[in-house]
């Protein structure tokens, strides 16, 4: 790990980068592909460009897009108890309490595990595809990327996966549980979402959007 950050109170604002974790300000020097700029105070990675990272992110985002749609439609679990067999999808589980005052909770659950991750994927593709193809940034791309980052804490697909694992431990003693295609899709989806976030260097995206001629 190579540290490129160096404190300089005389630096211009355009030449500064601020650590999002500890607010330390540094004079920015863009590292080479495969190297990283690291905060000297808290060791937060500030810049981590990778060769062809944009293409990798787009490929992962497309895979996530199809997996979200498939995971929402296909059966997630099959439960066999006392001769009664039932299959349930993620949407069925999220909207199980769609009547009465519980509809608010159902809609919030569906949004956090399906619609927010879906929105983030679509916004990511909207922002990155023109950039990777060396074309002018899409209209309102900066706002779209800002919304995508704001939605990051509310994308809770992995939390849902942990909740399912806990529930399965309890249900397994009461009924026979089978995994549908959506279960495996969702498992792959969680891994790909984490991979997408790890591939992305947010500073590089912001820089390409704000300085298209200097990239």
N, C-alpha and C. Protein backbone atom coordinates (compact mmCIF):
# COMPACT_ATOMS: atom_id res chain seq x y z
N UNK A 1 0.84 -1.18 0.00
CA UNK A 1 0.00 0.00 0.00
C UNK A 1 0.88 1.24 0.00
N UNK A 2 0.71 2.08 -0.98
CA UNK A 2 1.51 3.29 -1.09
C UNK A 2 0.65 4.49 -0.77
N UNK A 3 1.14 5.37 0.12
CA UNK A 3 0.40 6.54 0.56
C UNK A 3 0.83 7.75 -0.25
N UNK A 4 -0.12 8.38 -0.96
CA UNK A 4 0.16 9.53 -1.79
C UNK A 4 -0.28 10.83 -1.14
N UNK A 5 -0.94 10.75 0.03
CA UNK A 5 -1.49 11.95 0.64
C UNK A 5 -0.41 12.72 1.38
N UNK A 6 -0.42 14.05 1.23
CA UNK A 6 0.54 14.89 1.91
C UNK A 6 -0.13 16.19 2.31
N UNK A 7 -0.09 16.54 3.60
CA UNK A 7 -0.74 17.74 4.10
C UNK A 7 -0.07 18.98 3.52
N UNK A 8 -0.93 19.96 3.13
CA UNK A 8 -0.42 21.20 2.57
C UNK A 8 -1.47 22.28 2.72
N UNK A 9 -1.36 23.15 3.74
CA UNK A 9 -2.39 24.16 3.99
C UNK A 9 -2.48 25.21 2.89
N UNK A 10 -1.50 25.29 1.99
CA UNK A 10 -1.53 26.30 0.94
C UNK A 10 -2.17 25.78 -0.35
N UNK A 11 -2.60 24.54 -0.35
CA UNK A 11 -3.16 23.95 -1.57
C UNK A 11 -4.49 24.59 -1.92
N UNK A 12 -4.78 24.67 -3.22
CA UNK A 12 -6.06 25.16 -3.68
C UNK A 12 -7.14 24.12 -3.39
N UNK A 13 -8.39 24.60 -3.32
CA UNK A 13 -9.48 23.69 -2.99
C UNK A 13 -9.60 22.56 -4.01
N UNK A 14 -9.38 22.87 -5.30
CA UNK A 14 -9.48 21.84 -6.33
C UNK A 14 -8.41 20.77 -6.19
N UNK A 15 -7.34 21.09 -5.47
CA UNK A 15 -6.24 20.13 -5.30
C UNK A 15 -6.34 19.36 -3.99
N UNK A 16 -7.40 19.59 -3.23
CA UNK A 16 -7.53 18.96 -1.92
C UNK A 16 -8.49 17.77 -1.98
N UNK A 17 -8.24 16.81 -1.13
CA UNK A 17 -9.15 15.70 -0.92
C UNK A 17 -9.32 15.51 0.58
N UNK A 18 -10.54 15.31 1.03
CA UNK A 18 -10.85 15.22 2.45
C UNK A 18 -11.27 13.79 2.77
N UNK A 19 -10.71 13.25 3.82
CA UNK A 19 -11.06 11.90 4.24
C UNK A 19 -12.50 11.88 4.74
N UNK A 20 -13.37 11.02 4.22
CA UNK A 20 -14.76 10.98 4.66
C UNK A 20 -14.94 10.39 6.05
N UNK A 21 -13.88 9.81 6.60
CA UNK A 21 -13.99 9.15 7.90
C UNK A 21 -13.50 10.04 9.04
N UNK A 22 -12.36 10.74 8.85
CA UNK A 22 -11.81 11.55 9.93
C UNK A 22 -11.69 13.03 9.58
N UNK A 23 -12.08 13.42 8.34
CA UNK A 23 -12.07 14.81 7.89
C UNK A 23 -10.68 15.41 7.72
N UNK A 24 -9.66 14.60 7.67
CA UNK A 24 -8.32 15.12 7.39
C UNK A 24 -8.24 15.56 5.93
N UNK A 25 -7.59 16.71 5.69
CA UNK A 25 -7.46 17.25 4.32
C UNK A 25 -6.04 17.03 3.82
N UNK A 26 -5.94 16.64 2.55
CA UNK A 26 -4.66 16.36 1.93
C UNK A 26 -4.58 16.98 0.55
N UNK A 27 -3.37 17.24 0.13
CA UNK A 27 -3.13 17.64 -1.26
C UNK A 27 -3.21 16.40 -2.13
N UNK A 28 -4.05 16.45 -3.13
CA UNK A 28 -4.35 15.27 -3.92
C UNK A 28 -3.30 15.04 -5.00
N UNK A 29 -2.86 13.78 -5.08
CA UNK A 29 -2.03 13.33 -6.19
C UNK A 29 -2.57 11.98 -6.63
N UNK A 30 -3.01 11.92 -7.86
CA UNK A 30 -3.66 10.70 -8.34
C UNK A 30 -2.67 9.55 -8.44
N UNK A 31 -2.97 8.44 -7.80
CA UNK A 31 -2.07 7.28 -7.90
C UNK A 31 -2.23 6.55 -9.23
N UNK A 32 -1.28 5.70 -9.53
CA UNK A 32 -1.36 4.88 -10.73
C UNK A 32 -2.35 3.74 -10.52
N UNK A 33 -2.76 3.11 -11.62
CA UNK A 33 -3.67 1.97 -11.52
C UNK A 33 -3.07 0.88 -10.65
N UNK A 34 -3.88 0.37 -9.74
CA UNK A 34 -3.42 -0.68 -8.83
C UNK A 34 -2.81 -0.15 -7.55
N UNK A 35 -2.53 1.17 -7.46
CA UNK A 35 -2.01 1.77 -6.23
C UNK A 35 -3.15 2.49 -5.52
N UNK A 36 -2.89 2.90 -4.26
CA UNK A 36 -3.95 3.51 -3.47
C UNK A 36 -3.44 4.73 -2.72
N UNK A 37 -4.30 5.71 -2.58
CA UNK A 37 -4.02 6.85 -1.71
C UNK A 37 -4.75 6.61 -0.40
N UNK A 38 -4.00 6.69 0.69
CA UNK A 38 -4.53 6.29 1.99
C UNK A 38 -4.41 7.44 2.98
N UNK A 39 -5.42 7.62 3.80
CA UNK A 39 -5.37 8.64 4.85
C UNK A 39 -4.30 8.27 5.88
N UNK A 40 -3.42 9.22 6.18
CA UNK A 40 -2.35 8.94 7.14
C UNK A 40 -2.87 8.84 8.57
N UNK A 41 -4.03 9.45 8.83
CA UNK A 41 -4.55 9.47 10.20
C UNK A 41 -5.32 8.20 10.55
N UNK A 42 -6.30 7.83 9.69
CA UNK A 42 -7.18 6.70 10.02
C UNK A 42 -7.02 5.53 9.06
N UNK A 43 -6.14 5.69 8.05
CA UNK A 43 -5.84 4.63 7.08
C UNK A 43 -7.03 4.27 6.19
N UNK A 44 -7.99 5.18 6.04
CA UNK A 44 -9.09 5.00 5.11
C UNK A 44 -8.56 5.14 3.68
N UNK A 45 -8.95 4.22 2.80
CA UNK A 45 -8.54 4.31 1.40
C UNK A 45 -9.33 5.43 0.73
N UNK A 46 -8.61 6.43 0.21
CA UNK A 46 -9.25 7.60 -0.40
C UNK A 46 -9.40 7.45 -1.91
N UNK A 47 -8.38 6.94 -2.57
CA UNK A 47 -8.40 6.75 -4.02
C UNK A 47 -7.81 5.39 -4.32
N UNK A 48 -8.50 4.61 -5.16
CA UNK A 48 -7.99 3.28 -5.50
C UNK A 48 -8.37 2.95 -6.94
N UNK A 49 -7.74 3.61 -7.91
CA UNK A 49 -8.07 3.34 -9.32
C UNK A 49 -7.60 1.95 -9.75
N UNK A 50 -8.39 1.32 -10.60
CA UNK A 50 -8.04 0.01 -11.15
C UNK A 50 -8.22 0.04 -12.65
N UNK A 51 -7.40 -0.68 -13.34
CA UNK A 51 -7.50 -0.74 -14.80
C UNK A 51 -8.78 -1.47 -15.20
N UNK A 52 -9.55 -0.90 -16.10
CA UNK A 52 -10.80 -1.47 -16.60
C UNK A 52 -11.84 -1.68 -15.50
N UNK A 53 -11.72 -0.91 -14.41
CA UNK A 53 -12.68 -1.07 -13.32
C UNK A 53 -14.09 -0.73 -13.77
N UNK A 54 -14.22 0.28 -14.64
CA UNK A 54 -15.55 0.67 -15.12
C UNK A 54 -16.26 -0.46 -15.84
N UNK A 55 -15.53 -1.18 -16.69
CA UNK A 55 -16.12 -2.31 -17.39
C UNK A 55 -16.54 -3.41 -16.44
N UNK A 56 -15.71 -3.65 -15.43
CA UNK A 56 -16.05 -4.68 -14.44
C UNK A 56 -17.30 -4.29 -13.67
N UNK A 57 -17.40 -3.01 -13.29
CA UNK A 57 -18.57 -2.56 -12.53
C UNK A 57 -19.83 -2.68 -13.37
N UNK A 58 -19.74 -2.30 -14.65
CA UNK A 58 -20.91 -2.40 -15.53
C UNK A 58 -21.33 -3.85 -15.70
N UNK A 59 -20.37 -4.75 -15.87
CA UNK A 59 -20.70 -6.17 -16.02
C UNK A 59 -21.37 -6.71 -14.76
N UNK A 60 -20.83 -6.35 -13.60
CA UNK A 60 -21.42 -6.79 -12.34
C UNK A 60 -22.81 -6.18 -12.16
N UNK A 61 -22.96 -4.89 -12.51
CA UNK A 61 -24.25 -4.22 -12.36
C UNK A 61 -25.32 -4.87 -13.23
N UNK A 62 -24.96 -5.25 -14.46
CA UNK A 62 -25.91 -5.94 -15.34
C UNK A 62 -26.31 -7.29 -14.75
N UNK A 63 -25.33 -8.02 -14.21
CA UNK A 63 -25.64 -9.30 -13.57
C UNK A 63 -26.56 -9.10 -12.37
N UNK A 64 -26.29 -8.07 -11.58
CA UNK A 64 -27.14 -7.78 -10.42
C UNK A 64 -28.55 -7.43 -10.86
N UNK A 65 -28.66 -6.66 -11.95
CA UNK A 65 -29.97 -6.27 -12.46
C UNK A 65 -30.83 -7.49 -12.79
N UNK A 66 -30.26 -8.44 -13.53
CA UNK A 66 -31.02 -9.63 -13.91
C UNK A 66 -31.30 -10.52 -12.69
N UNK A 67 -30.35 -10.58 -11.77
CA UNK A 67 -30.57 -11.40 -10.58
C UNK A 67 -31.66 -10.82 -9.68
N UNK A 68 -31.72 -9.50 -9.56
CA UNK A 68 -32.78 -8.89 -8.75
C UNK A 68 -34.15 -9.23 -9.33
N UNK A 69 -34.29 -9.09 -10.65
CA UNK A 69 -35.57 -9.39 -11.29
C UNK A 69 -35.93 -10.87 -11.10
N UNK A 70 -34.94 -11.75 -11.33
CA UNK A 70 -35.20 -13.18 -11.16
C UNK A 70 -35.51 -13.56 -9.73
N UNK A 71 -34.75 -12.99 -8.79
CA UNK A 71 -34.95 -13.32 -7.38
C UNK A 71 -36.31 -12.84 -6.88
N UNK A 72 -36.83 -11.76 -7.47
CA UNK A 72 -38.12 -11.24 -7.03
C UNK A 72 -39.28 -12.05 -7.58
N UNK A 73 -39.07 -12.74 -8.70
CA UNK A 73 -40.17 -13.42 -9.39
C UNK A 73 -40.22 -14.91 -9.08
N UNK A 74 -39.06 -15.57 -9.11
CA UNK A 74 -39.04 -17.02 -8.92
C UNK A 74 -39.25 -17.39 -7.45
N UNK A 75 -39.65 -18.65 -7.20
CA UNK A 75 -39.84 -19.09 -5.80
C UNK A 75 -38.55 -18.99 -5.00
N UNK A 76 -38.66 -18.49 -3.79
CA UNK A 76 -37.50 -18.32 -2.91
C UNK A 76 -37.34 -19.55 -2.02
N UNK A 77 -38.44 -19.97 -1.39
CA UNK A 77 -38.44 -21.14 -0.52
C UNK A 77 -39.69 -21.96 -0.77
N UNK A 78 -39.57 -23.26 -0.56
CA UNK A 78 -40.74 -24.14 -0.52
C UNK A 78 -40.81 -24.75 0.88
N UNK A 79 -41.98 -24.72 1.46
CA UNK A 79 -42.16 -25.22 2.83
C UNK A 79 -43.20 -26.32 2.81
N UNK A 80 -42.83 -27.46 3.37
CA UNK A 80 -43.73 -28.61 3.44
C UNK A 80 -43.95 -28.95 4.91
N UNK A 81 -45.18 -28.72 5.39
CA UNK A 81 -45.51 -28.99 6.79
C UNK A 81 -46.84 -29.73 6.85
N UNK A 82 -46.83 -30.92 7.44
CA UNK A 82 -48.04 -31.72 7.62
C UNK A 82 -48.77 -31.97 6.29
N UNK A 83 -48.00 -32.18 5.24
CA UNK A 83 -48.60 -32.46 3.95
C UNK A 83 -48.99 -31.25 3.15
N UNK A 84 -48.89 -30.08 3.75
CA UNK A 84 -49.21 -28.84 3.04
C UNK A 84 -47.93 -28.21 2.50
N UNK A 85 -47.86 -28.08 1.19
CA UNK A 85 -46.66 -27.54 0.56
C UNK A 85 -46.97 -26.18 -0.04
N UNK A 86 -46.07 -25.25 0.19
CA UNK A 86 -46.28 -23.89 -0.31
C UNK A 86 -44.95 -23.30 -0.76
N UNK A 87 -44.99 -22.56 -1.86
CA UNK A 87 -43.80 -21.87 -2.37
C UNK A 87 -44.02 -20.37 -2.24
N UNK A 88 -42.97 -19.66 -1.87
CA UNK A 88 -43.08 -18.23 -1.65
C UNK A 88 -41.90 -17.52 -2.32
N UNK A 89 -42.19 -16.39 -2.95
CA UNK A 89 -41.14 -15.57 -3.55
C UNK A 89 -40.76 -14.45 -2.60
N UNK A 90 -39.72 -13.71 -2.95
CA UNK A 90 -39.29 -12.60 -2.09
C UNK A 90 -40.37 -11.53 -2.04
N UNK A 91 -41.01 -11.27 -3.17
CA UNK A 91 -42.09 -10.27 -3.17
C UNK A 91 -43.25 -10.74 -2.31
N UNK A 92 -43.56 -12.04 -2.35
CA UNK A 92 -44.63 -12.57 -1.51
C UNK A 92 -44.29 -12.37 -0.04
N UNK A 93 -43.03 -12.64 0.33
CA UNK A 93 -42.62 -12.47 1.72
C UNK A 93 -42.65 -11.00 2.14
N UNK A 94 -42.18 -10.13 1.25
CA UNK A 94 -42.13 -8.71 1.59
C UNK A 94 -43.52 -8.11 1.72
N UNK A 95 -44.47 -8.60 0.90
CA UNK A 95 -45.82 -8.04 0.90
C UNK A 95 -46.81 -8.93 1.64
N UNK A 96 -46.32 -9.74 2.55
CA UNK A 96 -47.18 -10.67 3.29
C UNK A 96 -48.22 -9.94 4.13
N UNK A 97 -47.88 -8.76 4.60
CA UNK A 97 -48.82 -7.99 5.43
C UNK A 97 -49.27 -6.74 4.67
N UNK A 98 -49.79 -6.98 3.47
CA UNK A 98 -50.14 -5.84 2.61
C UNK A 98 -51.52 -5.27 2.90
N UNK A 99 -52.20 -5.81 3.88
CA UNK A 99 -53.52 -5.29 4.23
C UNK A 99 -53.48 -4.49 5.52
N UNK A 100 -54.30 -3.45 5.59
CA UNK A 100 -54.41 -2.65 6.80
C UNK A 100 -53.19 -1.79 7.04
N UNK A 101 -52.96 -1.42 8.29
CA UNK A 101 -51.85 -0.50 8.60
C UNK A 101 -50.47 -1.11 8.37
N UNK A 102 -50.38 -2.44 8.27
CA UNK A 102 -49.09 -3.09 8.06
C UNK A 102 -48.57 -2.93 6.63
N UNK A 103 -49.39 -2.35 5.75
CA UNK A 103 -48.96 -2.17 4.37
C UNK A 103 -47.73 -1.27 4.27
N UNK A 104 -47.62 -0.31 5.20
CA UNK A 104 -46.46 0.58 5.20
C UNK A 104 -45.18 -0.23 5.45
N UNK A 105 -45.25 -1.15 6.42
CA UNK A 105 -44.10 -2.01 6.72
C UNK A 105 -43.77 -2.91 5.54
N UNK A 106 -44.80 -3.44 4.89
CA UNK A 106 -44.59 -4.32 3.74
C UNK A 106 -43.91 -3.58 2.59
N UNK A 107 -44.39 -2.37 2.31
CA UNK A 107 -43.80 -1.59 1.22
C UNK A 107 -42.36 -1.19 1.55
N UNK A 108 -42.11 -0.85 2.82
CA UNK A 108 -40.75 -0.49 3.22
C UNK A 108 -39.81 -1.69 3.08
N UNK A 109 -40.29 -2.88 3.47
CA UNK A 109 -39.48 -4.08 3.34
C UNK A 109 -39.15 -4.38 1.88
N UNK A 110 -40.18 -4.29 1.02
CA UNK A 110 -39.96 -4.53 -0.40
C UNK A 110 -38.98 -3.52 -0.99
N UNK A 111 -39.09 -2.28 -0.54
CA UNK A 111 -38.19 -1.23 -1.07
C UNK A 111 -36.75 -1.50 -0.66
N UNK A 112 -36.52 -1.87 0.60
CA UNK A 112 -35.16 -2.03 1.10
C UNK A 112 -34.44 -3.24 0.51
N UNK A 113 -35.18 -4.29 0.20
CA UNK A 113 -34.51 -5.51 -0.26
C UNK A 113 -34.58 -5.69 -1.78
N UNK A 114 -35.46 -4.93 -2.46
CA UNK A 114 -35.59 -5.09 -3.91
C UNK A 114 -35.43 -3.78 -4.65
N UNK A 115 -36.28 -2.82 -4.34
CA UNK A 115 -36.37 -1.61 -5.17
C UNK A 115 -35.19 -0.66 -4.97
N UNK A 116 -34.67 -0.54 -3.76
CA UNK A 116 -33.50 0.32 -3.55
C UNK A 116 -32.27 -0.27 -4.24
N UNK A 117 -31.95 -1.57 -4.06
CA UNK A 117 -30.83 -2.13 -4.83
C UNK A 117 -31.03 -2.01 -6.33
N UNK A 118 -32.27 -2.19 -6.80
CA UNK A 118 -32.55 -2.05 -8.23
C UNK A 118 -32.30 -0.62 -8.70
N UNK A 119 -32.74 0.35 -7.89
CA UNK A 119 -32.52 1.76 -8.25
C UNK A 119 -31.04 2.09 -8.30
N UNK A 120 -30.26 1.57 -7.35
CA UNK A 120 -28.82 1.83 -7.34
C UNK A 120 -28.14 1.25 -8.57
N UNK A 121 -28.56 0.06 -8.99
CA UNK A 121 -27.97 -0.55 -10.18
C UNK A 121 -28.28 0.28 -11.41
N UNK A 122 -29.53 0.70 -11.56
CA UNK A 122 -29.91 1.49 -12.74
C UNK A 122 -29.19 2.84 -12.76
N UNK A 123 -29.05 3.47 -11.60
CA UNK A 123 -28.34 4.74 -11.53
C UNK A 123 -26.85 4.55 -11.86
N UNK A 124 -26.27 3.46 -11.37
CA UNK A 124 -24.87 3.18 -11.66
C UNK A 124 -24.64 3.00 -13.16
N UNK A 125 -25.52 2.25 -13.81
CA UNK A 125 -25.39 2.06 -15.25
C UNK A 125 -25.59 3.38 -15.99
N UNK A 126 -26.53 4.17 -15.54
CA UNK A 126 -26.81 5.46 -16.19
C UNK A 126 -25.59 6.37 -16.13
N UNK A 127 -24.87 6.33 -15.01
CA UNK A 127 -23.71 7.20 -14.83
C UNK A 127 -22.48 6.65 -15.54
N UNK A 128 -22.21 5.35 -15.41
CA UNK A 128 -20.93 4.81 -15.84
C UNK A 128 -20.85 4.45 -17.31
N UNK A 129 -21.95 4.04 -17.92
CA UNK A 129 -21.87 3.59 -19.32
C UNK A 129 -21.32 4.68 -20.24
N UNK A 130 -21.82 5.92 -20.20
CA UNK A 130 -21.22 6.95 -21.07
C UNK A 130 -19.76 7.24 -20.72
N UNK A 131 -19.43 7.22 -19.43
CA UNK A 131 -18.06 7.51 -19.00
C UNK A 131 -17.10 6.46 -19.52
N UNK A 132 -17.47 5.19 -19.38
CA UNK A 132 -16.60 4.10 -19.83
C UNK A 132 -16.45 4.11 -21.34
N UNK A 133 -17.47 4.52 -22.06
CA UNK A 133 -17.41 4.57 -23.51
C UNK A 133 -16.78 5.87 -24.03
N UNK A 134 -16.21 6.67 -23.11
CA UNK A 134 -15.56 7.94 -23.46
C UNK A 134 -16.50 8.90 -24.19
N UNK A 135 -17.73 8.91 -23.74
CA UNK A 135 -18.71 9.84 -24.27
C UNK A 135 -19.04 10.88 -23.20
N UNK A 136 -19.67 11.99 -23.60
CA UNK A 136 -20.06 12.99 -22.59
C UNK A 136 -20.95 12.37 -21.52
N UNK A 137 -20.80 12.85 -20.31
CA UNK A 137 -21.60 12.32 -19.20
C UNK A 137 -23.09 12.51 -19.48
N UNK A 138 -23.89 11.58 -19.02
CA UNK A 138 -25.33 11.66 -19.20
C UNK A 138 -25.88 12.89 -18.47
N UNK A 139 -27.02 13.33 -18.90
CA UNK A 139 -27.64 14.49 -18.28
C UNK A 139 -27.95 14.20 -16.81
N UNK A 140 -27.60 15.13 -15.96
CA UNK A 140 -27.81 15.01 -14.50
C UNK A 140 -27.06 13.80 -13.92
N UNK A 141 -25.94 13.42 -14.53
CA UNK A 141 -25.19 12.27 -14.04
C UNK A 141 -24.66 12.49 -12.64
N UNK A 142 -24.21 13.72 -12.34
CA UNK A 142 -23.68 14.00 -11.00
C UNK A 142 -24.77 13.82 -9.96
N UNK A 143 -25.96 14.33 -10.25
CA UNK A 143 -27.07 14.17 -9.31
C UNK A 143 -27.44 12.69 -9.16
N UNK A 144 -27.43 11.96 -10.28
CA UNK A 144 -27.77 10.54 -10.24
C UNK A 144 -26.78 9.76 -9.39
N UNK A 145 -25.48 10.06 -9.54
CA UNK A 145 -24.48 9.35 -8.75
C UNK A 145 -24.59 9.73 -7.27
N UNK A 146 -24.93 10.98 -6.99
CA UNK A 146 -25.11 11.41 -5.61
C UNK A 146 -26.29 10.67 -4.97
N UNK A 147 -27.37 10.51 -5.72
CA UNK A 147 -28.52 9.76 -5.19
C UNK A 147 -28.15 8.31 -4.97
N UNK A 148 -27.38 7.73 -5.90
CA UNK A 148 -26.96 6.34 -5.75
C UNK A 148 -26.16 6.13 -4.48
N UNK A 149 -25.25 7.06 -4.19
CA UNK A 149 -24.45 6.94 -2.97
C UNK A 149 -25.29 7.18 -1.73
N UNK A 150 -26.28 8.07 -1.82
CA UNK A 150 -27.16 8.31 -0.68
C UNK A 150 -28.03 7.09 -0.37
N UNK A 151 -28.33 6.29 -1.39
CA UNK A 151 -29.15 5.10 -1.19
C UNK A 151 -28.35 3.91 -0.66
N UNK A 152 -27.03 4.02 -0.68
CA UNK A 152 -26.19 2.88 -0.28
C UNK A 152 -26.54 2.32 1.10
N UNK A 153 -26.70 3.15 2.16
CA UNK A 153 -27.02 2.58 3.47
C UNK A 153 -28.40 1.93 3.53
N UNK A 154 -29.29 2.27 2.58
CA UNK A 154 -30.65 1.75 2.59
C UNK A 154 -30.81 0.52 1.71
N UNK A 155 -29.75 0.07 1.07
CA UNK A 155 -29.78 -1.15 0.27
C UNK A 155 -29.45 -2.32 1.19
N UNK A 156 -30.46 -3.05 1.61
CA UNK A 156 -30.28 -4.01 2.70
C UNK A 156 -30.50 -5.45 2.26
N UNK A 157 -30.06 -5.77 1.06
CA UNK A 157 -30.21 -7.14 0.58
C UNK A 157 -29.45 -8.12 1.48
N UNK A 158 -28.25 -7.73 1.90
CA UNK A 158 -27.46 -8.64 2.74
C UNK A 158 -28.08 -8.81 4.13
N UNK A 159 -28.76 -7.76 4.64
CA UNK A 159 -29.45 -7.88 5.93
C UNK A 159 -30.59 -8.87 5.82
N UNK A 160 -31.31 -8.81 4.70
CA UNK A 160 -32.39 -9.76 4.46
C UNK A 160 -31.86 -11.19 4.41
N UNK A 161 -30.69 -11.36 3.79
CA UNK A 161 -30.09 -12.70 3.71
C UNK A 161 -29.76 -13.24 5.09
N UNK A 162 -29.21 -12.38 5.95
CA UNK A 162 -28.90 -12.80 7.33
C UNK A 162 -30.18 -13.15 8.08
N UNK A 163 -31.22 -12.32 7.90
CA UNK A 163 -32.51 -12.60 8.55
C UNK A 163 -33.10 -13.93 8.10
N UNK A 164 -32.97 -14.22 6.80
CA UNK A 164 -33.46 -15.51 6.29
C UNK A 164 -32.71 -16.67 6.91
N UNK A 165 -31.40 -16.52 7.05
CA UNK A 165 -30.60 -17.60 7.64
C UNK A 165 -31.04 -17.88 9.08
N UNK A 166 -31.30 -16.82 9.84
CA UNK A 166 -31.77 -16.99 11.22
C UNK A 166 -33.14 -17.66 11.25
N UNK A 167 -34.03 -17.21 10.35
CA UNK A 167 -35.38 -17.77 10.33
C UNK A 167 -35.37 -19.24 9.92
N UNK A 168 -34.49 -19.59 8.97
CA UNK A 168 -34.43 -20.97 8.51
C UNK A 168 -34.02 -21.93 9.61
N UNK A 169 -33.15 -21.47 10.50
CA UNK A 169 -32.74 -22.32 11.62
C UNK A 169 -33.93 -22.67 12.50
N UNK A 170 -34.84 -21.71 12.68
CA UNK A 170 -36.01 -21.94 13.52
C UNK A 170 -37.09 -22.74 12.80
N UNK A 171 -37.27 -22.47 11.50
CA UNK A 171 -38.33 -23.14 10.75
C UNK A 171 -37.96 -24.58 10.43
N UNK A 172 -36.68 -24.87 10.29
CA UNK A 172 -36.24 -26.21 9.90
C UNK A 172 -36.71 -27.29 10.86
N UNK A 173 -36.92 -26.95 12.14
CA UNK A 173 -37.39 -27.93 13.11
C UNK A 173 -38.90 -28.17 13.01
N UNK A 174 -39.62 -27.29 12.33
CA UNK A 174 -41.07 -27.39 12.27
C UNK A 174 -41.58 -27.88 10.93
N UNK A 175 -40.78 -27.71 9.87
CA UNK A 175 -41.23 -28.09 8.53
C UNK A 175 -40.04 -28.43 7.67
N UNK A 176 -40.33 -29.05 6.53
CA UNK A 176 -39.29 -29.36 5.55
C UNK A 176 -39.15 -28.16 4.62
N UNK A 177 -37.96 -27.61 4.56
CA UNK A 177 -37.72 -26.39 3.79
C UNK A 177 -36.85 -26.72 2.59
N UNK A 178 -37.28 -26.27 1.42
CA UNK A 178 -36.50 -26.43 0.20
C UNK A 178 -36.13 -25.08 -0.37
N UNK A 179 -35.00 -25.02 -1.05
CA UNK A 179 -34.52 -23.77 -1.62
C UNK A 179 -34.94 -23.68 -3.08
N UNK A 180 -35.63 -22.60 -3.41
CA UNK A 180 -36.02 -22.36 -4.79
C UNK A 180 -34.92 -21.66 -5.56
N UNK A 181 -35.10 -21.45 -6.88
CA UNK A 181 -34.07 -20.79 -7.69
C UNK A 181 -33.75 -19.40 -7.21
N UNK A 182 -34.77 -18.69 -6.67
CA UNK A 182 -34.53 -17.31 -6.21
C UNK A 182 -33.60 -17.27 -5.01
N UNK A 183 -33.57 -18.35 -4.21
CA UNK A 183 -32.68 -18.38 -3.06
C UNK A 183 -31.22 -18.30 -3.51
N UNK A 184 -30.88 -19.11 -4.52
CA UNK A 184 -29.50 -19.12 -5.01
C UNK A 184 -29.18 -17.83 -5.77
N UNK A 185 -30.17 -17.30 -6.50
CA UNK A 185 -29.98 -16.02 -7.16
C UNK A 185 -29.69 -14.92 -6.16
N UNK A 186 -30.44 -14.95 -5.06
CA UNK A 186 -30.27 -13.91 -4.06
C UNK A 186 -28.92 -14.02 -3.38
N UNK A 187 -28.48 -15.25 -3.14
CA UNK A 187 -27.16 -15.44 -2.54
C UNK A 187 -26.05 -14.89 -3.43
N UNK A 188 -26.13 -15.19 -4.73
CA UNK A 188 -25.15 -14.65 -5.67
C UNK A 188 -25.27 -13.13 -5.74
N UNK A 189 -26.51 -12.63 -5.69
CA UNK A 189 -26.76 -11.19 -5.76
C UNK A 189 -26.05 -10.45 -4.63
N UNK A 190 -26.13 -10.97 -3.42
CA UNK A 190 -25.49 -10.31 -2.28
C UNK A 190 -23.98 -10.23 -2.48
N UNK A 191 -23.38 -11.31 -2.98
CA UNK A 191 -21.94 -11.32 -3.22
C UNK A 191 -21.56 -10.30 -4.29
N UNK A 192 -22.36 -10.22 -5.36
CA UNK A 192 -22.05 -9.31 -6.46
C UNK A 192 -22.22 -7.85 -6.05
N UNK A 193 -23.21 -7.57 -5.20
CA UNK A 193 -23.38 -6.19 -4.72
C UNK A 193 -22.16 -5.75 -3.93
N UNK A 194 -21.65 -6.64 -3.07
CA UNK A 194 -20.45 -6.32 -2.31
C UNK A 194 -19.26 -6.14 -3.25
N UNK A 195 -19.16 -7.01 -4.26
CA UNK A 195 -18.06 -6.90 -5.24
C UNK A 195 -18.16 -5.60 -6.01
N UNK A 196 -19.36 -5.19 -6.39
CA UNK A 196 -19.54 -3.95 -7.14
C UNK A 196 -19.05 -2.75 -6.33
N UNK A 197 -19.40 -2.73 -5.04
CA UNK A 197 -18.97 -1.61 -4.20
C UNK A 197 -17.45 -1.63 -3.98
N UNK A 198 -16.85 -2.82 -3.95
CA UNK A 198 -15.40 -2.89 -3.75
C UNK A 198 -14.64 -2.50 -5.01
N UNK A 199 -15.21 -2.76 -6.19
CA UNK A 199 -14.56 -2.38 -7.45
C UNK A 199 -14.56 -0.87 -7.64
N UNK A 200 -15.60 -0.20 -7.14
CA UNK A 200 -15.80 1.20 -7.48
C UNK A 200 -14.91 2.13 -6.66
N UNK A 201 -14.17 2.97 -7.35
CA UNK A 201 -13.42 4.06 -6.72
C UNK A 201 -14.26 5.32 -6.89
N UNK A 202 -14.91 5.75 -5.83
CA UNK A 202 -15.85 6.87 -5.95
C UNK A 202 -15.15 8.15 -6.38
N UNK A 203 -13.91 8.35 -5.92
CA UNK A 203 -13.19 9.55 -6.32
C UNK A 203 -12.99 9.58 -7.83
N UNK A 204 -12.63 8.44 -8.41
CA UNK A 204 -12.40 8.37 -9.85
C UNK A 204 -13.67 8.71 -10.62
N UNK A 205 -14.81 8.22 -10.14
CA UNK A 205 -16.08 8.52 -10.81
C UNK A 205 -16.38 10.01 -10.73
N UNK A 206 -16.24 10.59 -9.52
CA UNK A 206 -16.49 12.03 -9.36
C UNK A 206 -15.56 12.84 -10.26
N UNK A 207 -14.31 12.44 -10.32
CA UNK A 207 -13.34 13.19 -11.12
C UNK A 207 -13.69 13.14 -12.60
N UNK A 208 -14.10 11.96 -13.08
CA UNK A 208 -14.47 11.85 -14.49
C UNK A 208 -15.71 12.67 -14.81
N UNK A 209 -16.63 12.75 -13.86
CA UNK A 209 -17.86 13.51 -14.10
C UNK A 209 -17.60 15.01 -14.05
N UNK A 210 -16.69 15.45 -13.17
CA UNK A 210 -16.46 16.89 -12.99
C UNK A 210 -15.37 17.42 -13.90
N UNK A 211 -14.46 16.54 -14.38
CA UNK A 211 -13.37 16.96 -15.26
C UNK A 211 -13.29 16.03 -16.46
N UNK A 212 -14.31 16.03 -17.31
CA UNK A 212 -14.33 15.05 -18.42
C UNK A 212 -13.18 15.23 -19.39
N UNK A 213 -12.63 16.44 -19.54
CA UNK A 213 -11.56 16.67 -20.49
C UNK A 213 -10.18 16.35 -19.93
N UNK A 214 -10.11 16.19 -18.60
CA UNK A 214 -8.83 15.94 -17.97
C UNK A 214 -8.64 14.48 -17.57
N UNK A 215 -9.61 13.64 -17.93
CA UNK A 215 -9.56 12.26 -17.47
C UNK A 215 -8.72 11.41 -18.41
